[in-house]
Protein backbone atom coordinates (compact mmCIF):
# COMPACT_ATOMS: atom_id res chain seq x y z
CA MET A 1 -94.85 -83.86 -44.18
CA ASN A 2 -97.92 -85.95 -45.05
CA GLY A 3 -98.69 -88.56 -42.44
CA GLU A 4 -96.49 -86.88 -39.82
CA ILE A 5 -98.06 -86.72 -36.36
CA TRP A 6 -97.40 -83.40 -34.65
CA MET A 7 -99.60 -83.64 -31.54
CA PHE A 8 -101.70 -85.98 -29.42
CA ALA A 9 -104.75 -84.82 -27.45
CA GLY A 10 -107.58 -86.76 -25.81
CA GLY A 11 -106.68 -89.91 -27.68
CA ALA A 12 -106.66 -88.12 -31.04
CA GLU A 13 -103.73 -87.70 -33.40
CA ILE A 14 -103.23 -84.25 -34.93
CA MET A 15 -101.28 -84.45 -38.16
CA ALA A 16 -99.10 -81.86 -39.87
CA GLU A 17 -101.59 -81.66 -42.74
CA ASP A 18 -104.41 -80.99 -40.25
CA LEU A 19 -102.66 -77.85 -39.07
CA LEU A 20 -101.83 -76.78 -42.61
CA MET A 21 -105.49 -77.16 -43.61
CA GLU A 22 -106.59 -74.94 -40.70
CA ILE A 23 -104.06 -72.30 -41.73
CA LYS A 24 -105.27 -72.40 -45.34
CA LEU A 25 -108.91 -72.11 -44.30
CA ARG A 26 -108.33 -69.41 -41.67
CA PRO A 27 -105.23 -67.41 -42.62
CA GLY A 28 -106.56 -64.38 -40.75
CA ASP A 29 -106.58 -66.09 -37.35
CA ALA A 30 -104.53 -64.23 -34.75
CA LEU A 31 -101.91 -66.98 -34.37
CA VAL A 32 -101.21 -67.16 -38.10
CA SER A 33 -101.42 -63.39 -38.60
CA ASP A 34 -98.96 -62.73 -35.78
CA LEU A 35 -96.55 -65.32 -37.16
CA ILE A 36 -96.68 -63.86 -40.67
CA PHE A 37 -96.31 -60.30 -39.39
CA ARG A 38 -93.26 -61.16 -37.27
CA LYS A 39 -91.58 -63.04 -40.13
CA VAL A 40 -92.22 -60.25 -42.64
CA ALA A 41 -91.00 -57.58 -40.22
CA ALA A 42 -87.83 -59.54 -39.46
CA ALA A 43 -87.17 -60.03 -43.18
CA LEU A 44 -87.63 -56.29 -43.82
CA ALA A 45 -85.27 -55.49 -40.95
CA ARG A 46 -82.55 -57.72 -42.42
CA LYS A 47 -82.98 -56.09 -45.83
CA LYS A 48 -82.37 -52.73 -44.19
CA GLY A 49 -79.20 -54.01 -42.56
CA ILE A 50 -80.64 -54.08 -39.06
CA GLN A 51 -78.91 -56.62 -36.84
CA VAL A 52 -79.30 -58.07 -33.36
CA ALA A 53 -76.17 -59.10 -31.50
CA ALA A 54 -75.85 -62.58 -30.02
CA GLU A 55 -75.59 -61.02 -26.55
CA GLU A 56 -79.00 -59.40 -26.98
CA VAL A 57 -80.53 -62.72 -27.99
CA GLU A 58 -79.09 -64.39 -24.88
CA GLU A 59 -80.49 -61.58 -22.77
CA ALA A 60 -83.90 -62.09 -24.40
CA LEU A 61 -83.65 -65.84 -23.77
CA GLY A 62 -82.97 -65.27 -20.08
CA GLU A 63 -85.91 -62.86 -19.85
CA PHE A 64 -88.15 -65.36 -21.59
CA TYR A 65 -87.29 -68.15 -19.16
CA ALA A 66 -87.82 -65.79 -16.22
CA GLU A 67 -91.29 -64.93 -17.55
CA GLN A 68 -92.07 -68.67 -17.56
CA ASP A 69 -90.86 -68.90 -13.93
CA LEU A 70 -88.01 -71.15 -15.05
CA MET A 71 -85.13 -70.20 -12.78
CA GLU A 72 -83.04 -73.38 -12.64
CA GLU A 73 -81.31 -75.20 -15.50
CA GLU A 74 -83.17 -78.40 -14.61
CA GLN A 75 -86.49 -76.56 -14.90
CA VAL A 76 -85.51 -75.16 -18.29
CA LEU A 77 -84.49 -78.58 -19.59
CA ALA A 78 -87.70 -80.22 -18.35
CA TRP A 79 -89.82 -77.46 -19.88
CA ARG A 80 -88.11 -77.71 -23.28
CA LYS A 81 -88.27 -81.51 -23.23
CA ALA A 82 -92.00 -81.51 -22.45
CA ARG A 83 -92.66 -79.19 -25.40
CA MET A 84 -89.98 -80.62 -27.67
CA ILE A 85 -88.49 -77.16 -28.21
CA ASP A 86 -85.01 -76.77 -29.62
CA GLU A 87 -83.23 -73.91 -27.85
CA ASP A 88 -81.60 -72.63 -31.03
CA ALA A 89 -85.02 -72.45 -32.67
CA LEU A 90 -86.29 -70.51 -29.66
CA ARG A 91 -83.34 -68.15 -29.99
CA GLY A 92 -84.31 -67.64 -33.64
CA ARG A 93 -87.83 -66.62 -32.65
CA LEU A 94 -86.57 -64.21 -30.00
CA ARG A 95 -84.15 -62.72 -32.54
CA GLU A 96 -87.08 -62.09 -34.89
CA GLU A 97 -88.96 -60.30 -32.11
CA ARG A 98 -85.96 -58.04 -31.47
CA LEU A 99 -85.62 -57.37 -35.21
CA ARG A 100 -89.32 -56.50 -35.39
CA ASN A 101 -89.02 -53.99 -32.56
CA ARG A 102 -85.84 -52.46 -33.95
CA LEU A 103 -87.45 -52.05 -37.37
CA ARG A 104 -90.40 -50.28 -35.77
CA GLU A 105 -88.09 -47.74 -34.16
CA ALA A 106 -86.27 -47.21 -37.47
CA LEU A 107 -89.42 -46.84 -39.59
CA VAL A 108 -91.46 -44.72 -37.20
CA PRO A 109 -89.46 -41.95 -35.49
CA ASP A 110 -91.09 -39.62 -32.98
CA ALA A 111 -91.61 -36.97 -35.66
CA ALA A 112 -93.82 -39.35 -37.67
CA VAL A 113 -95.89 -40.13 -34.58
CA GLU A 114 -96.36 -36.44 -33.83
CA ASP A 115 -97.34 -35.70 -37.44
CA ARG A 116 -100.01 -38.43 -37.39
CA PHE A 117 -101.43 -37.12 -34.12
CA ARG A 118 -101.49 -33.49 -35.26
CA SER A 119 -103.16 -34.42 -38.55
CA ASN A 120 -106.22 -35.86 -36.77
CA PRO A 121 -106.24 -35.53 -32.97
CA TYR A 122 -109.99 -36.27 -32.86
CA GLU A 123 -109.28 -39.84 -34.03
CA TYR A 124 -107.60 -40.53 -30.69
CA ALA A 125 -110.26 -39.06 -28.41
CA THR A 126 -111.90 -41.55 -26.05
CA ALA A 127 -115.51 -42.01 -25.05
CA GLU A 128 -116.66 -43.54 -21.78
CA VAL A 129 -119.94 -45.30 -22.42
CA GLU A 130 -122.51 -47.64 -20.95
CA VAL A 131 -123.37 -50.53 -23.26
CA PHE A 132 -126.75 -52.27 -23.34
CA VAL A 133 -126.72 -55.61 -25.15
CA HIS A 134 -129.82 -57.08 -26.82
CA PRO A 135 -130.33 -60.36 -28.71
CA TYR A 136 -132.22 -58.89 -31.69
CA ALA A 137 -132.18 -55.64 -33.66
CA GLY A 138 -135.89 -55.08 -33.07
CA VAL A 139 -135.51 -55.42 -29.31
CA ALA A 140 -132.56 -53.01 -29.32
CA LYS A 141 -134.50 -50.41 -31.35
CA GLU A 142 -137.52 -50.74 -29.08
CA PHE A 143 -135.29 -50.24 -26.03
CA LEU A 144 -133.67 -47.17 -27.61
CA LEU A 145 -136.97 -45.52 -28.54
CA SER A 146 -138.70 -46.27 -25.25
CA VAL A 147 -135.85 -44.72 -23.26
CA GLN A 148 -135.64 -41.68 -25.54
CA GLU A 149 -139.40 -41.10 -25.21
CA GLY A 150 -139.30 -41.43 -21.44
CA GLU A 151 -141.38 -44.59 -21.30
CA ARG A 152 -138.73 -46.48 -19.31
CA GLU A 153 -135.38 -46.12 -17.59
CA ALA A 154 -132.33 -47.50 -19.32
CA GLY A 155 -130.94 -49.08 -16.17
CA VAL A 156 -127.23 -49.76 -15.75
CA GLY A 157 -125.12 -50.92 -18.68
CA GLU A 158 -121.60 -52.29 -18.98
CA ARG A 159 -118.97 -49.55 -18.68
CA ARG A 160 -116.43 -49.32 -21.48
CA ARG A 161 -113.91 -46.83 -22.80
CA LEU A 162 -113.60 -46.65 -26.59
CA THR A 163 -111.55 -44.79 -29.13
CA ARG A 164 -113.18 -43.79 -32.40
CA ALA A 165 -111.43 -46.72 -34.12
CA GLN A 166 -112.74 -49.18 -31.51
CA ALA A 167 -116.33 -47.99 -31.80
CA PRO A 168 -118.52 -49.76 -34.38
CA GLU A 169 -118.29 -47.95 -37.70
CA GLU A 170 -122.03 -47.34 -37.97
CA VAL A 171 -122.18 -45.41 -34.68
CA ALA A 172 -118.67 -43.96 -34.27
CA ALA A 173 -119.32 -40.53 -35.83
CA LEU A 174 -122.55 -39.99 -33.88
CA LEU A 175 -121.11 -41.30 -30.63
CA PHE A 176 -118.19 -38.88 -30.80
CA SER A 177 -120.41 -35.88 -31.59
CA ALA A 178 -123.29 -36.64 -29.19
CA GLU A 179 -123.94 -34.88 -25.89
CA PRO A 180 -123.36 -36.78 -22.63
CA GLY A 181 -126.41 -38.85 -21.75
CA ALA A 182 -127.38 -39.47 -25.39
CA LEU A 183 -128.22 -42.99 -26.56
CA VAL A 184 -126.67 -44.19 -29.83
CA GLY A 185 -127.26 -47.39 -31.78
CA PRO A 186 -128.02 -50.14 -32.23
CA ALA A 187 -124.83 -51.63 -33.68
CA GLU A 188 -124.48 -55.30 -34.60
CA THR A 189 -121.59 -57.19 -32.99
CA GLU A 190 -119.52 -60.10 -34.28
CA ASP A 191 -121.54 -62.55 -32.17
CA GLU A 192 -124.78 -61.25 -33.76
CA THR A 193 -126.08 -59.36 -30.75
CA TYR A 194 -127.03 -55.68 -30.85
CA GLU A 195 -125.58 -52.96 -28.67
CA VAL A 196 -126.94 -49.56 -27.68
CA TYR A 197 -124.47 -47.03 -26.24
CA ARG A 198 -125.08 -44.25 -23.74
CA LEU A 199 -122.37 -41.60 -23.75
CA ILE A 200 -121.13 -40.76 -20.27
CA ARG A 201 -118.21 -38.51 -21.19
CA ARG A 202 -115.81 -37.79 -23.99
CA ASP A 203 -112.15 -36.90 -23.44
CA GLU A 204 -109.89 -35.21 -25.95
CA ALA A 205 -106.58 -36.98 -26.59
CA ALA A 206 -103.22 -35.90 -25.23
CA LEU A 207 -100.02 -37.28 -26.75
CA GLY A 208 -98.64 -39.08 -23.70
CA ASP A 209 -96.34 -42.09 -23.65
CA ASP A 210 -99.11 -44.69 -24.05
CA LEU A 211 -100.77 -42.95 -27.00
CA ARG A 212 -97.37 -42.28 -28.58
CA GLU A 213 -96.61 -46.02 -28.60
CA GLU A 214 -100.12 -46.84 -29.84
CA ILE A 215 -99.67 -44.52 -32.83
CA ARG A 216 -96.15 -45.84 -33.44
CA GLU A 217 -97.51 -49.39 -33.62
CA GLU A 218 -100.33 -48.23 -35.90
CA LEU A 219 -97.89 -46.63 -38.35
CA PHE A 220 -95.56 -49.60 -38.15
CA ARG A 221 -98.34 -52.05 -38.97
CA GLU A 222 -99.35 -49.92 -41.93
CA ALA A 223 -95.78 -50.08 -43.26
CA VAL A 224 -95.51 -53.86 -42.87
CA ARG A 225 -98.97 -54.41 -44.38
CA ALA A 226 -97.80 -52.44 -47.42
CA ALA A 227 -95.01 -55.02 -47.87
CA LEU A 228 -97.57 -57.81 -47.54
CA ALA A 229 -99.76 -56.16 -50.16
CA ARG A 230 -96.84 -56.16 -52.61
CA GLU A 231 -96.19 -59.84 -51.97
CA PRO A 232 -99.34 -61.51 -50.53
CA LEU A 233 -99.49 -64.83 -48.72
CA ARG A 234 -99.19 -67.86 -51.00
CA PHE A 235 -98.91 -71.55 -50.23
CA GLN A 236 -96.15 -73.78 -51.57
CA ARG A 237 -98.03 -77.05 -51.08
């Protein structure tokens, strides 16, 4: 593996060990996390005897090519050649995706989804808010106080819709108990800005199709993360 060139870009050579180093330094990145999750889920599915027929994989392959707007065989061949993708390897990835989805259905039946929702329906309420972004905590606090004391108008903020889980932890409880029109914050963001929220309205959750699938995915991820906790990521080289 050492010394093997995997990519060229802008005159630079990107080696296999370069990619491995990035993975080791940032194992939580979305690309790596998604890969690990899919592999673990597929392995768990196989252990449970879940299978995907060859016909289903071919169907998934056809759907994949259609999503890439590859309708002719010549287009498919050119696309795979440009990316140096082996079709059997691609079939393997698509099989893993099908195994992942089938495991989710097996592990999280509708009854489990309904139990989670009934146990805490308030967790799935949504809040429509206006968000006011400030560069510093002091500026955000000054804005909050001056509006609350009537010294200035808040103006118009960015509209968002948040669940309790999506709201910053330090303001979530207050935001979902405040009266419409109330200002809540500030909360620090990942890019080190500070946000103040004005509650426009709060809607109680109803267990429709979209929320049902959201909860199913939530429970499924909890189950797969439990397997990862028992056998955490380790590197072989």
